[in-house]
């Protein structure tokens, strides 16, 4: 999760994330969830993320940008 947090901070303060990079980060997040839960490849990612109480990477970016905008006003 440390690497995920660092990437998220870079995206928030850097401002841009290419679609290709975002896809790679989402795949990495899903692989990490599979390892932690120890489930097979056919388990839907939405079930894994719900079990871990994680947001997807794009959802987290939007959420943290909203918080950042709220704090700046």
N, C-alpha and C. Protein backbone atom coordinates (compact mmCIF):
# COMPACT_ATOMS: atom_id res chain seq x y z
N UNK A 1 0.82 -1.20 0.00
CA UNK A 1 0.00 0.00 0.00
C UNK A 1 0.86 1.26 0.00
N UNK A 2 2.09 1.14 0.44
CA UNK A 2 2.95 2.31 0.45
C UNK A 2 3.18 2.82 -0.96
N UNK A 3 3.45 1.93 -1.89
CA UNK A 3 3.68 2.34 -3.27
C UNK A 3 2.42 2.97 -3.85
N UNK A 4 1.26 2.36 -3.56
CA UNK A 4 -0.02 2.89 -4.03
C UNK A 4 -0.24 4.31 -3.50
N UNK A 5 0.08 4.53 -2.23
CA UNK A 5 -0.10 5.85 -1.63
C UNK A 5 0.82 6.88 -2.28
N UNK A 6 2.05 6.49 -2.55
CA UNK A 6 2.99 7.41 -3.19
C UNK A 6 2.54 7.78 -4.59
N UNK A 7 2.07 6.81 -5.35
CA UNK A 7 1.58 7.09 -6.70
C UNK A 7 0.38 8.03 -6.63
N UNK A 8 -0.50 7.79 -5.68
CA UNK A 8 -1.69 8.62 -5.53
C UNK A 8 -1.32 10.06 -5.20
N UNK A 9 -0.37 10.24 -4.32
CA UNK A 9 0.08 11.59 -3.96
C UNK A 9 0.68 12.29 -5.18
N UNK A 10 1.49 11.57 -5.94
CA UNK A 10 2.08 12.15 -7.15
C UNK A 10 1.01 12.58 -8.15
N UNK A 11 -0.01 11.77 -8.31
CA UNK A 11 -1.08 12.10 -9.24
C UNK A 11 -1.85 13.33 -8.76
N UNK A 12 -2.13 13.39 -7.46
CA UNK A 12 -2.89 14.52 -6.94
C UNK A 12 -2.13 15.83 -7.07
N UNK A 13 -0.85 15.81 -6.73
CA UNK A 13 -0.10 17.05 -6.77
C UNK A 13 0.50 17.32 -8.14
N UNK A 14 0.74 16.27 -8.91
CA UNK A 14 1.23 16.45 -10.28
C UNK A 14 0.12 16.87 -11.21
N UNK A 15 -1.09 16.44 -10.91
CA UNK A 15 -2.24 16.88 -11.67
C UNK A 15 -2.66 16.00 -12.82
N UNK A 16 -1.74 15.21 -13.37
CA UNK A 16 -2.11 14.44 -14.55
C UNK A 16 -1.69 12.99 -14.39
N UNK A 17 -2.49 12.13 -14.97
CA UNK A 17 -2.21 10.71 -15.00
C UNK A 17 -2.71 10.20 -16.35
N UNK A 18 -1.85 9.62 -17.13
CA UNK A 18 -2.28 9.12 -18.43
C UNK A 18 -3.20 7.93 -18.25
N UNK A 19 -3.99 7.68 -19.25
CA UNK A 19 -4.92 6.55 -19.19
C UNK A 19 -4.16 5.24 -19.08
N UNK A 20 -3.04 5.14 -19.77
CA UNK A 20 -2.23 3.93 -19.73
C UNK A 20 -1.68 3.69 -18.32
N UNK A 21 -1.19 4.73 -17.67
CA UNK A 21 -0.68 4.60 -16.31
C UNK A 21 -1.80 4.23 -15.35
N UNK A 22 -2.96 4.83 -15.53
CA UNK A 22 -4.10 4.53 -14.67
C UNK A 22 -4.51 3.06 -14.79
N UNK A 23 -4.51 2.53 -16.01
CA UNK A 23 -4.85 1.11 -16.20
C UNK A 23 -3.84 0.20 -15.51
N UNK A 24 -2.57 0.56 -15.59
CA UNK A 24 -1.53 -0.24 -14.94
C UNK A 24 -1.68 -0.21 -13.42
N UNK A 25 -2.02 0.94 -12.88
CA UNK A 25 -2.20 1.06 -11.44
C UNK A 25 -3.41 0.25 -10.98
N UNK A 26 -4.49 0.29 -11.75
CA UNK A 26 -5.69 -0.49 -11.41
C UNK A 26 -5.38 -1.98 -11.44
N UNK A 27 -4.64 -2.43 -12.46
CA UNK A 27 -4.26 -3.85 -12.54
C UNK A 27 -3.40 -4.24 -11.34
N UNK A 28 -2.47 -3.37 -10.96
CA UNK A 28 -1.62 -3.64 -9.80
C UNK A 28 -2.45 -3.72 -8.53
N UNK A 29 -3.44 -2.84 -8.40
CA UNK A 29 -4.32 -2.86 -7.24
C UNK A 29 -5.11 -4.16 -7.18
N UNK A 30 -5.61 -4.61 -8.32
CA UNK A 30 -6.38 -5.86 -8.36
C UNK A 30 -5.50 -7.06 -8.02
N UNK A 31 -4.27 -7.07 -8.53
CA UNK A 31 -3.35 -8.17 -8.21
C UNK A 31 -3.03 -8.20 -6.73
N UNK A 32 -2.82 -7.03 -6.16
CA UNK A 32 -2.55 -6.95 -4.72
C UNK A 32 -3.72 -7.46 -3.91
N UNK A 33 -4.93 -7.13 -4.33
CA UNK A 33 -6.13 -7.61 -3.62
C UNK A 33 -6.24 -9.13 -3.72
N UNK A 34 -5.93 -9.69 -4.89
CA UNK A 34 -5.98 -11.15 -5.06
C UNK A 34 -4.98 -11.84 -4.15
N UNK A 35 -3.80 -11.26 -4.02
CA UNK A 35 -2.77 -11.86 -3.15
C UNK A 35 -3.20 -11.79 -1.69
N UNK A 36 -3.71 -10.65 -1.28
CA UNK A 36 -4.11 -10.48 0.13
C UNK A 36 -5.26 -11.41 0.49
N UNK A 37 -6.27 -11.49 -0.38
CA UNK A 37 -7.45 -12.32 -0.09
C UNK A 37 -7.19 -13.79 -0.41
N UNK A 38 -6.22 -14.06 -1.27
CA UNK A 38 -5.90 -15.42 -1.72
C UNK A 38 -7.09 -16.04 -2.44
N UNK A 39 -7.53 -15.34 -3.48
CA UNK A 39 -8.65 -15.84 -4.28
C UNK A 39 -8.17 -16.14 -5.70
N UNK A 40 -9.02 -16.79 -6.46
CA UNK A 40 -8.63 -17.16 -7.81
C UNK A 40 -8.84 -16.00 -8.79
N UNK A 41 -8.42 -16.22 -10.01
CA UNK A 41 -8.44 -15.18 -11.04
C UNK A 41 -9.86 -14.79 -11.44
N UNK A 42 -10.81 -15.68 -11.24
CA UNK A 42 -12.18 -15.44 -11.71
C UNK A 42 -13.06 -14.72 -10.70
N UNK A 43 -12.52 -14.39 -9.54
CA UNK A 43 -13.28 -13.62 -8.56
C UNK A 43 -13.39 -12.18 -9.05
N UNK A 44 -14.60 -11.63 -9.11
CA UNK A 44 -14.76 -10.25 -9.59
C UNK A 44 -14.03 -9.24 -8.69
N UNK A 45 -13.42 -8.27 -9.33
CA UNK A 45 -12.64 -7.29 -8.58
C UNK A 45 -13.52 -6.46 -7.64
N UNK A 46 -14.76 -6.22 -8.02
CA UNK A 46 -15.63 -5.43 -7.14
C UNK A 46 -15.88 -6.15 -5.81
N UNK A 47 -15.95 -7.48 -5.85
CA UNK A 47 -16.13 -8.24 -4.62
C UNK A 47 -14.87 -8.19 -3.75
N UNK A 48 -13.70 -8.27 -4.39
CA UNK A 48 -12.44 -8.22 -3.65
C UNK A 48 -12.26 -6.86 -2.98
N UNK A 49 -12.50 -5.80 -3.75
CA UNK A 49 -12.32 -4.46 -3.21
C UNK A 49 -13.33 -4.17 -2.10
N UNK A 50 -14.54 -4.69 -2.24
CA UNK A 50 -15.54 -4.50 -1.19
C UNK A 50 -15.13 -5.23 0.08
N UNK A 51 -14.59 -6.43 -0.07
CA UNK A 51 -14.16 -7.19 1.10
C UNK A 51 -13.03 -6.49 1.85
N UNK A 52 -12.12 -5.87 1.09
CA UNK A 52 -11.01 -5.15 1.70
C UNK A 52 -11.38 -3.71 2.09
N UNK A 53 -12.57 -3.27 1.68
CA UNK A 53 -13.05 -1.91 1.92
C UNK A 53 -12.12 -0.88 1.27
N UNK A 54 -11.72 -1.19 0.03
CA UNK A 54 -10.88 -0.30 -0.77
C UNK A 54 -11.72 0.38 -1.83
N UNK A 55 -11.31 1.59 -2.20
CA UNK A 55 -11.86 2.25 -3.37
C UNK A 55 -10.96 1.90 -4.55
N UNK A 56 -11.52 1.93 -5.74
CA UNK A 56 -10.66 1.76 -6.91
C UNK A 56 -9.77 2.99 -7.02
N UNK A 57 -8.70 2.87 -7.77
CA UNK A 57 -7.78 3.99 -7.91
C UNK A 57 -8.46 5.23 -8.48
N UNK A 58 -9.24 5.11 -9.57
CA UNK A 58 -9.91 6.33 -10.08
C UNK A 58 -10.89 6.94 -9.07
N UNK A 59 -11.61 6.10 -8.34
CA UNK A 59 -12.53 6.62 -7.32
C UNK A 59 -11.77 7.37 -6.23
N UNK A 60 -10.63 6.82 -5.82
CA UNK A 60 -9.83 7.46 -4.78
C UNK A 60 -9.27 8.80 -5.25
N UNK A 61 -8.85 8.88 -6.50
CA UNK A 61 -8.34 10.14 -7.04
C UNK A 61 -9.43 11.20 -7.01
N UNK A 62 -10.61 10.86 -7.46
CA UNK A 62 -11.73 11.81 -7.46
C UNK A 62 -12.08 12.22 -6.03
N UNK A 63 -12.11 11.25 -5.13
CA UNK A 63 -12.45 11.51 -3.73
C UNK A 63 -11.44 12.47 -3.09
N UNK A 64 -10.15 12.21 -3.29
CA UNK A 64 -9.13 13.06 -2.67
C UNK A 64 -9.06 14.43 -3.32
N UNK A 65 -9.34 14.52 -4.63
CA UNK A 65 -9.39 15.83 -5.27
C UNK A 65 -10.55 16.65 -4.74
N UNK A 66 -11.67 15.99 -4.47
CA UNK A 66 -12.84 16.68 -3.90
C UNK A 66 -12.51 17.20 -2.51
N UNK A 67 -11.83 16.39 -1.71
CA UNK A 67 -11.43 16.83 -0.37
C UNK A 67 -10.47 18.01 -0.47
N UNK A 68 -9.52 17.90 -1.39
CA UNK A 68 -8.54 18.97 -1.58
C UNK A 68 -9.23 20.27 -1.98
N UNK A 69 -10.20 20.19 -2.88
CA UNK A 69 -10.92 21.40 -3.30
C UNK A 69 -11.74 21.97 -2.16
N UNK A 70 -12.35 21.09 -1.36
CA UNK A 70 -13.16 21.53 -0.23
C UNK A 70 -12.30 22.27 0.81
N UNK A 71 -11.10 21.77 1.03
CA UNK A 71 -10.23 22.40 2.02
C UNK A 71 -9.67 23.72 1.52
N UNK A 72 -9.57 23.87 0.21
CA UNK A 72 -9.02 25.11 -0.36
C UNK A 72 -10.05 26.24 -0.43
N UNK A 73 -11.33 25.93 -0.25
CA UNK A 73 -12.32 27.00 -0.34
C UNK A 73 -12.65 27.59 0.99
